[in-house]
Structure formats: structure tokens, C-alpha cells
Amino acid sequence: MKSAGNRKNEKKYWSIMLVPHSTNDIKVFKISSMRYKLLAFGTIITTAILCTSLTISHLVNENQDLQHQVAIAKTLNGQQAQLLEENENEIKTLIQQRNNQTKVTEEFKALYRELTNRYIEDNMNTVVATRSSSHDDRLFVEEVSKLKSILEDLEEINYSEPEISTNLEETQNKLDEYMDIIPTLWPTSGGVSSGYGYRLDPFTYRRRFHYGIDISAPTGREIKTSAKGKVILSEWYGDYGKTVIVDHGRGVTTLYAHCSDLLVNVGQTVDKGEVIAKVGNTGRSTGSHLHFEVRVNGSQVDPLEYLDPR
């Protein structure tokens, strides 16, 4: 029997037995306690290193994923910023359009009230024929023309407001009627060789009043009616030579003299801009040109106060 001292000095081992099925040769492996501890420690270290490597690899992959997501987020942020900028510009454009609409509408309201009260509603039948001065004639033409332009702007932007649209069609018809009968269209192309007023007569060389304007043009050039109306004269007319006179209503007539050919007949209705004759040199004339007059209640007035500015 071993004593306690001897047992303390004995080495402690771990025994691993391998028992094959085919033979009875049993193999026994002994591992000392120290070796076991070293093996266990090595196993722990190896496991720790492996776990650390796996953790680091996972963190690297996760960091790469985060960087990719950040890049995607930056791209989306840029797209959103561009979209916001486009939307902002679109909103600014819409606001500007709205402001323009409001401005046009307010301008129309003011001019509409003034013109309809002063000219159209109260004096529709006499307004053109009772102008007090040539300045008023031109002012009236410009204001009516401006109002038509505003109406066209409203129609173009398709802006509707009950206060305006209620009488819009009726007013448009009235304005169209006025603009049709006001002699604003130049009857032919060419420069003005002699204006309205006093001048030296080309035959007598004496100071004499010229009751119209002379427009230089070659023989045969088309003459168009300056406004809509009815032909009341189309024949030889004394010193005027071959002449056409058109009655536009409300006391307004226009005269086209020294023509080479007359293309309309008395009683014929002509539209504004319709060809009625051709330039010539008939009657008391020193060269090919058109003598053009505007008459209000039989009295000649300066045509330039009616004709559109060139």
C-alpha cells in the first residue's frame, strides 16, 4: 500500500483508450496534466484568434456595406436636391404666371370700366363722329387697340374671372366693330411725300391747304380699304381723277384718289384690308401716288391721327 507522500509525487495523467473492432489490440495514450493544460490553453488561444478574425472580417464587410449605402444615400440626396430645385423653379414660374395674370386682369378691369363707360356704352353711335380734336382721335384709337390687346392676352393665358367674363363676349364684339370701322390700316405701302396741312401747290406754287396725305407708290400697286364700310363712290371725281370713297358709318368716310384702276362698285361692302383700286396718276396729279383722306361728317381731318404708327 502506497503512502500519502508517494501519491503526491506521482504524476497525474489523462488516459485515452482506443479499442478497435477487428482486434483486441487496445491502444492507450497517456497525456500528462501539464500537457493537457497547455493543449487546453492553446485551444483557447486558437479559438480566440479565430473568433477575433471572424469578427474583424464581419466588421470589414459591414463597413463596406455601410459605405455602399452611404454612396447610394448621397446619390439619392443629390437627385432629391435636383428635384427640389426643379420643383422650386416650377413653383416660381407658376407664381410669376399668376402674378402676370393678376396684373393683366387688373389692367383690363380699369381700362374696361373707363372705355365702356366713356365710349362704348354711352356714346356707341356717335363717339367716332364727335371727337373734339385730332389728339382725342388718336388717343381713342390707341386705347381701343390696347384693350383688344389685353383681351387677347387674357384669351392666350386662358384666365377666367366671373367679373370679367360676364360681358367679355359683348365687349369683344363692340371693340371688333369699332376697330373695323376706324381707318387705322395704311391703304398702300410707300413713303408720305406730302402731309396734311399747308404746302406749296405743285401747279401754282402758291401756299394752299392739303386735305389729305400723299403716299408715293408706283402705278399698279394695290390700294386697300383702311376700314370696313360701304362703297359710295367709284368713278372719276374731278381733280381727284379716278376715286373710291368708302363710308364706314358714324360719319366717317375715306377717300382714295388718282387711281389707275377701280376694282369695286357703288353699294359694295368691303372689309378692312380688301383691295379696292390700284395706284395711278389720274386727275390733277404730278406723278404716280395715292392721295388719301379721312373725313368726319364731311370735314377732312389728319389721316395720321387714325393710321397705325409705322
Protein backbone atom coordinates (compact mmCIF):
# COMPACT_ATOMS: atom_id res chain seq x y z
CA MET A 1 0.00 0.00 0.00
CA LYS A 2 1.36 3.35 -1.10
CA SER A 3 1.81 6.08 1.41
CA ALA A 4 0.37 9.57 1.06
CA GLY A 5 3.79 11.04 0.28
CA ASN A 6 4.31 8.70 -2.62
CA ARG A 7 0.89 9.56 -4.05
CA LYS A 8 1.80 13.26 -4.06
CA ASN A 9 4.93 12.58 -6.06
CA GLU A 10 3.12 10.56 -8.65
CA LYS A 11 2.44 12.30 -11.91
CA LYS A 12 -1.14 12.72 -12.91
CA TYR A 13 -2.09 11.59 -16.37
CA TRP A 14 -5.05 11.61 -18.69
CA SER A 15 -5.51 8.27 -20.45
CA ILE A 16 -7.14 7.97 -23.89
CA MET A 17 -8.00 4.38 -24.90
CA LEU A 18 -8.64 3.30 -28.50
CA VAL A 19 -10.41 -0.07 -28.86
CA PRO A 20 -10.56 -1.36 -32.48
CA HIS A 21 -13.45 -3.69 -33.50
CA SER A 22 -11.32 -6.04 -35.57
CA THR A 23 -8.62 -6.79 -32.98
CA ASN A 24 -8.21 -6.88 -29.30
CA ASP A 25 -5.17 -4.64 -29.52
CA ILE A 26 -6.16 -1.80 -27.25
CA LYS A 27 -4.13 1.35 -27.56
CA VAL A 28 -3.73 3.66 -24.60
CA PHE A 29 -2.41 7.21 -24.85
CA LYS A 30 -1.35 8.99 -21.72
CA ILE A 31 -1.28 12.73 -21.52
CA SER A 32 0.20 14.39 -18.53
CA SER A 33 -1.76 17.02 -16.68
CA MET A 34 0.67 19.76 -17.79
CA ARG A 35 0.35 18.84 -21.42
CA TYR A 36 -3.40 18.87 -21.06
CA LYS A 37 -3.29 22.33 -19.64
CA LEU A 38 -1.07 23.53 -22.47
CA LEU A 39 -3.32 21.89 -25.02
CA ALA A 40 -6.39 23.46 -23.46
CA PHE A 41 -4.70 26.85 -23.34
CA GLY A 42 -3.62 26.53 -26.96
CA THR A 43 -7.11 25.56 -27.93
CA ILE A 44 -8.50 28.59 -26.15
CA ILE A 45 -5.95 30.91 -27.81
CA THR A 46 -6.65 29.42 -31.23
CA THR A 47 -10.38 29.73 -30.72
CA ALA A 48 -9.97 33.34 -29.56
CA ILE A 49 -7.86 34.20 -32.60
CA LEU A 50 -10.35 32.53 -34.93
CA CYS A 51 -13.29 34.33 -33.34
CA THR A 52 -11.42 37.63 -33.49
CA SER A 53 -10.61 37.08 -37.17
CA LEU A 54 -14.22 36.24 -37.95
CA THR A 55 -15.38 39.31 -36.02
CA ILE A 56 -12.94 41.59 -37.84
CA SER A 57 -13.93 40.11 -41.20
CA HIS A 58 -17.59 40.66 -40.37
CA LEU A 59 -16.91 44.26 -39.32
CA VAL A 60 -14.97 44.92 -42.55
CA ASN A 61 -17.83 43.54 -44.65
CA GLU A 62 -20.34 45.52 -42.64
CA ASN A 63 -18.26 48.69 -43.08
CA GLN A 64 -18.13 48.13 -46.85
CA ASP A 65 -21.91 47.69 -46.89
CA LEU A 66 -22.31 50.91 -44.91
CA GLN A 67 -20.03 52.79 -47.32
CA HIS A 68 -22.07 51.47 -50.25
CA GLN A 69 -25.30 52.55 -48.55
CA VAL A 70 -23.79 55.98 -47.83
CA ALA A 71 -22.86 56.34 -51.52
CA ILE A 72 -26.41 55.37 -52.52
CA ALA A 73 -27.79 57.84 -49.97
CA LYS A 74 -25.58 60.61 -51.38
CA THR A 75 -26.78 59.85 -54.90
CA LEU A 76 -30.41 59.86 -53.79
CA ASN A 77 -29.82 63.06 -51.85
CA GLY A 78 -28.37 64.70 -54.97
CA GLN A 79 -31.33 63.55 -57.06
CA GLN A 80 -33.76 64.80 -54.43
CA ALA A 81 -31.94 68.15 -54.27
CA GLN A 82 -32.16 68.46 -58.07
CA LEU A 83 -35.84 67.52 -57.96
CA LEU A 84 -36.48 70.09 -55.23
CA GLU A 85 -34.69 72.74 -57.28
CA GLU A 86 -36.79 71.88 -60.35
CA ASN A 87 -39.96 71.98 -58.28
CA GLU A 88 -38.89 75.30 -56.80
CA ASN A 89 -38.29 76.74 -60.27
CA GLU A 90 -41.62 75.41 -61.45
CA ILE A 91 -43.36 76.95 -58.45
CA LYS A 92 -41.62 80.27 -59.13
CA THR A 93 -42.76 80.09 -62.76
CA LEU A 94 -46.33 79.36 -61.71
CA ILE A 95 -46.24 82.24 -59.23
CA GLN A 96 -44.88 84.56 -61.92
CA GLN A 97 -47.59 83.44 -64.33
CA ARG A 98 -50.19 84.04 -61.65
CA ASN A 99 -48.77 87.50 -60.98
CA ASN A 100 -48.82 88.27 -64.69
CA GLN A 101 -52.41 87.08 -64.89
CA THR A 102 -53.37 89.25 -61.95
CA LYS A 103 -51.59 92.25 -63.46
CA VAL A 104 -53.28 91.78 -66.83
CA THR A 105 -56.63 91.27 -65.14
CA GLU A 106 -56.35 94.41 -63.03
CA GLU A 107 -55.22 96.42 -66.04
CA PHE A 108 -58.12 95.09 -68.03
CA LYS A 109 -60.63 95.93 -65.29
CA ALA A 110 -59.52 99.55 -65.07
CA LEU A 111 -59.39 100.13 -68.81
CA TYR A 112 -62.55 98.15 -69.40
CA ARG A 113 -64.57 100.28 -66.99
CA GLU A 114 -63.17 103.53 -68.36
CA LEU A 115 -63.66 102.72 -72.02
CA THR A 116 -67.03 101.02 -71.77
CA ASN A 117 -68.46 103.86 -69.68
CA ARG A 118 -66.85 106.69 -71.64
CA TYR A 119 -67.07 105.35 -75.18
CA ILE A 120 -68.88 102.09 -75.79
CA GLU A 121 -71.97 102.04 -73.57
CA ASP A 122 -72.86 105.77 -73.50
CA ASN A 123 -71.69 107.01 -76.92
CA MET A 124 -71.61 103.98 -79.21
CA ASN A 125 -73.47 105.62 -82.07
CA THR A 126 -71.72 108.98 -82.05
CA VAL A 127 -68.30 108.60 -80.46
CA VAL A 128 -66.21 108.45 -83.64
CA ALA A 129 -68.03 111.29 -85.34
CA THR A 130 -67.93 113.70 -82.40
CA ARG A 131 -64.25 113.70 -81.44
CA SER A 132 -63.27 117.15 -80.23
CA SER A 133 -59.71 117.10 -81.60
CA SER A 134 -57.30 115.02 -83.58
CA HIS A 135 -55.44 114.26 -80.35
CA ASP A 136 -58.61 112.67 -78.96
CA ASP A 137 -58.97 110.66 -82.17
CA ARG A 138 -55.53 109.11 -81.79
CA LEU A 139 -56.00 108.58 -78.07
CA PHE A 140 -59.27 106.80 -78.67
CA VAL A 141 -57.75 104.53 -81.31
CA GLU A 142 -54.79 103.68 -79.07
CA GLU A 143 -56.98 102.92 -76.06
CA VAL A 144 -59.31 100.65 -78.03
CA SER A 145 -56.31 98.92 -79.58
CA LYS A 146 -54.77 98.45 -76.14
CA LEU A 147 -57.98 96.99 -74.77
CA LYS A 148 -58.13 94.50 -77.63
CA SER A 149 -54.54 93.53 -76.92
CA ILE A 150 -55.36 92.89 -73.25
CA LEU A 151 -58.35 90.78 -74.25
CA GLU A 152 -56.08 88.72 -76.49
CA ASP A 153 -53.64 88.27 -73.59
CA LEU A 154 -56.46 87.04 -71.38
CA GLU A 155 -57.56 84.60 -74.04
CA GLU A 156 -54.00 83.37 -74.56
CA ILE A 157 -53.39 82.55 -70.89
CA ASN A 158 -56.90 81.14 -70.60
CA TYR A 159 -57.60 83.08 -67.45
CA SER A 160 -61.22 83.44 -66.49
CA GLU A 161 -62.83 85.56 -63.83
CA PRO A 162 -66.61 85.91 -63.46
CA GLU A 163 -66.49 89.69 -63.10
CA ILE A 164 -64.70 89.95 -66.44
CA SER A 165 -66.11 87.09 -68.47
CA THR A 166 -69.73 88.19 -67.90
CA ASN A 167 -69.54 90.97 -70.51
CA LEU A 168 -66.41 89.82 -72.28
CA GLU A 169 -68.03 88.49 -75.45
CA GLU A 170 -70.30 91.52 -75.86
CA THR A 171 -67.41 93.90 -75.28
CA GLN A 172 -65.24 91.98 -77.71
CA ASN A 173 -67.91 92.33 -80.39
CA LYS A 174 -68.16 96.07 -79.74
CA LEU A 175 -64.41 96.50 -79.89
CA ASP A 176 -64.19 94.48 -83.09
CA GLU A 177 -66.89 96.67 -84.61
CA TYR A 178 -65.06 99.85 -83.63
CA MET A 179 -61.68 98.64 -84.84
CA ASP A 180 -63.22 97.53 -88.15
CA ILE A 181 -64.74 100.95 -88.89
CA ILE A 182 -61.83 103.09 -87.67
CA PRO A 183 -59.42 103.82 -90.59
CA THR A 184 -56.22 102.55 -88.97
CA LEU A 185 -54.84 100.44 -91.83
CA TRP A 186 -52.41 102.08 -94.26
CA PRO A 187 -54.08 101.86 -97.68
CA THR A 188 -50.83 101.13 -99.54
CA SER A 189 -47.12 100.85 -98.89
CA GLY A 190 -44.80 103.76 -99.58
CA GLY A 191 -43.45 106.91 -98.05
CA VAL A 192 -45.51 110.02 -97.32
CA SER A 193 -44.45 112.57 -99.90
CA SER A 194 -46.86 115.28 -98.76
CA GLY A 195 -48.62 115.57 -95.41
CA TYR A 196 -51.86 117.06 -94.15
CA GLY A 197 -51.80 120.87 -93.88
CA TYR A 198 -50.47 123.89 -95.73
CA ARG A 199 -47.98 123.37 -98.55
CA LEU A 200 -46.87 124.90 -101.88
CA ASP A 201 -49.25 123.81 -104.62
CA PRO A 202 -47.21 121.78 -107.19
CA PHE A 203 -49.08 123.51 -110.06
CA THR A 204 -49.46 127.13 -108.89
CA TYR A 205 -46.56 127.20 -106.36
CA ARG A 206 -48.84 129.08 -104.02
CA ARG A 207 -49.49 128.24 -100.35
CA ARG A 208 -52.53 126.02 -100.23
CA PHE A 209 -54.08 123.64 -97.72
CA HIS A 210 -53.63 119.94 -98.49
CA TYR A 211 -56.61 117.98 -97.11
CA GLY A 212 -55.02 114.54 -97.05
CA ILE A 213 -51.69 112.73 -97.34
CA ASP A 214 -49.88 111.63 -100.49
CA ILE A 215 -48.28 108.19 -100.41
CA SER A 216 -45.63 107.64 -103.09
CA ALA A 217 -46.09 104.35 -104.92
CA PRO A 218 -45.64 103.00 -108.45
CA THR A 219 -48.58 102.74 -110.81
CA GLY A 220 -50.44 99.47 -110.36
CA ARG A 221 -49.65 98.91 -106.68
CA GLU A 222 -52.69 97.64 -104.73
CA ILE A 223 -54.81 100.03 -102.68
CA LYS A 224 -56.63 98.54 -99.67
CA THR A 225 -59.53 99.99 -97.76
CA SER A 226 -58.38 101.44 -94.44
CA ALA A 227 -61.51 100.27 -92.63
CA LYS A 228 -64.66 98.22 -93.18
CA GLY A 229 -67.50 100.01 -94.94
CA LYS A 230 -69.70 100.52 -97.98
CA VAL A 231 -68.54 101.98 -101.31
CA ILE A 232 -70.45 105.20 -102.03
CA LEU A 233 -68.35 106.43 -104.98
CA SER A 234 -66.24 104.63 -107.58
CA GLU A 235 -65.68 106.84 -110.64
CA TRP A 236 -63.88 109.89 -111.99
CA TYR A 237 -64.15 112.62 -109.32
CA GLY A 238 -62.97 115.97 -110.73
CA ASP A 239 -59.38 116.88 -109.90
CA TYR A 240 -59.12 113.70 -107.84
CA GLY A 241 -59.24 111.61 -111.03
CA LYS A 242 -60.35 108.01 -110.60
CA THR A 243 -61.53 107.86 -107.00
CA VAL A 244 -63.11 105.50 -104.47
CA ILE A 245 -64.94 106.75 -101.38
CA VAL A 246 -65.93 104.32 -98.63
CA ASP A 247 -68.50 105.10 -95.93
CA HIS A 248 -67.59 103.48 -92.61
CA GLY A 249 -70.62 104.65 -90.67
CA ARG A 250 -70.98 107.11 -87.78
CA GLY A 251 -70.00 109.97 -90.07
CA VAL A 252 -66.60 108.59 -91.08
CA THR A 253 -65.54 108.20 -94.75
CA THR A 254 -62.23 107.65 -96.52
CA LEU A 255 -61.18 108.79 -99.99
CA TYR A 256 -58.66 107.13 -102.33
CA ALA A 257 -57.74 109.35 -105.31
CA HIS A 258 -55.64 109.45 -108.53
CA CYS A 259 -56.16 105.68 -109.05
CA SER A 260 -55.27 103.90 -112.28
CA ASP A 261 -57.95 101.20 -111.88
CA LEU A 262 -61.13 100.98 -109.78
CA LEU A 263 -61.96 97.45 -108.59
CA VAL A 264 -65.20 97.99 -106.64
CA ASN A 265 -68.69 99.22 -107.38
CA VAL A 266 -71.04 101.62 -105.58
CA GLY A 267 -73.09 99.82 -102.95
CA GLN A 268 -70.48 97.10 -102.43
CA THR A 269 -69.50 96.22 -98.86
CA VAL A 270 -65.76 95.93 -98.34
CA ASP A 271 -63.79 94.53 -95.41
CA LYS A 272 -60.84 96.20 -93.77
CA GLY A 273 -57.78 95.46 -95.90
CA GLU A 274 -59.72 94.48 -99.03
CA VAL A 275 -58.17 95.60 -102.34
CA ILE A 276 -60.39 98.29 -103.90
CA ALA A 277 -58.18 100.00 -106.52
CA LYS A 278 -54.67 100.44 -107.89
CA VAL A 279 -52.27 103.37 -107.59
CA GLY A 280 -52.17 105.73 -110.57
CA ASN A 281 -51.62 109.27 -111.79
CA THR A 282 -55.09 110.40 -112.89
CA GLY A 283 -56.67 113.80 -112.33
CA ARG A 284 -54.71 116.79 -111.05
CA SER A 285 -51.53 114.92 -110.24
CA THR A 286 -47.82 115.36 -110.90
CA GLY A 287 -46.82 111.70 -110.54
CA SER A 288 -47.88 108.23 -109.52
CA HIS A 289 -49.13 108.26 -105.93
CA LEU A 290 -52.19 107.74 -103.73
CA HIS A 291 -53.98 110.74 -102.25
CA PHE A 292 -55.72 109.53 -99.08
CA GLU A 293 -58.24 111.45 -96.97
CA VAL A 294 -60.21 110.78 -93.79
CA ARG A 295 -63.42 112.74 -93.43
CA VAL A 296 -65.60 113.10 -90.32
CA ASN A 297 -69.08 114.46 -91.04
CA GLY A 298 -67.78 115.74 -94.38
CA SER A 299 -64.77 117.59 -92.98
CA GLN A 300 -61.24 116.38 -93.69
CA VAL A 301 -59.05 115.50 -90.71
CA ASP A 302 -55.40 114.46 -90.49
CA PRO A 303 -55.25 110.75 -91.52
CA LEU A 304 -52.10 110.24 -89.43
CA GLU A 305 -54.21 110.66 -86.31
CA TYR A 306 -56.00 107.44 -87.27
CA LEU A 307 -53.45 105.35 -89.16
CA ASP A 308 -51.37 102.91 -87.14
CA PRO A 309 -47.86 104.18 -86.39
CA ARG A 310 -45.22 102.69 -88.67
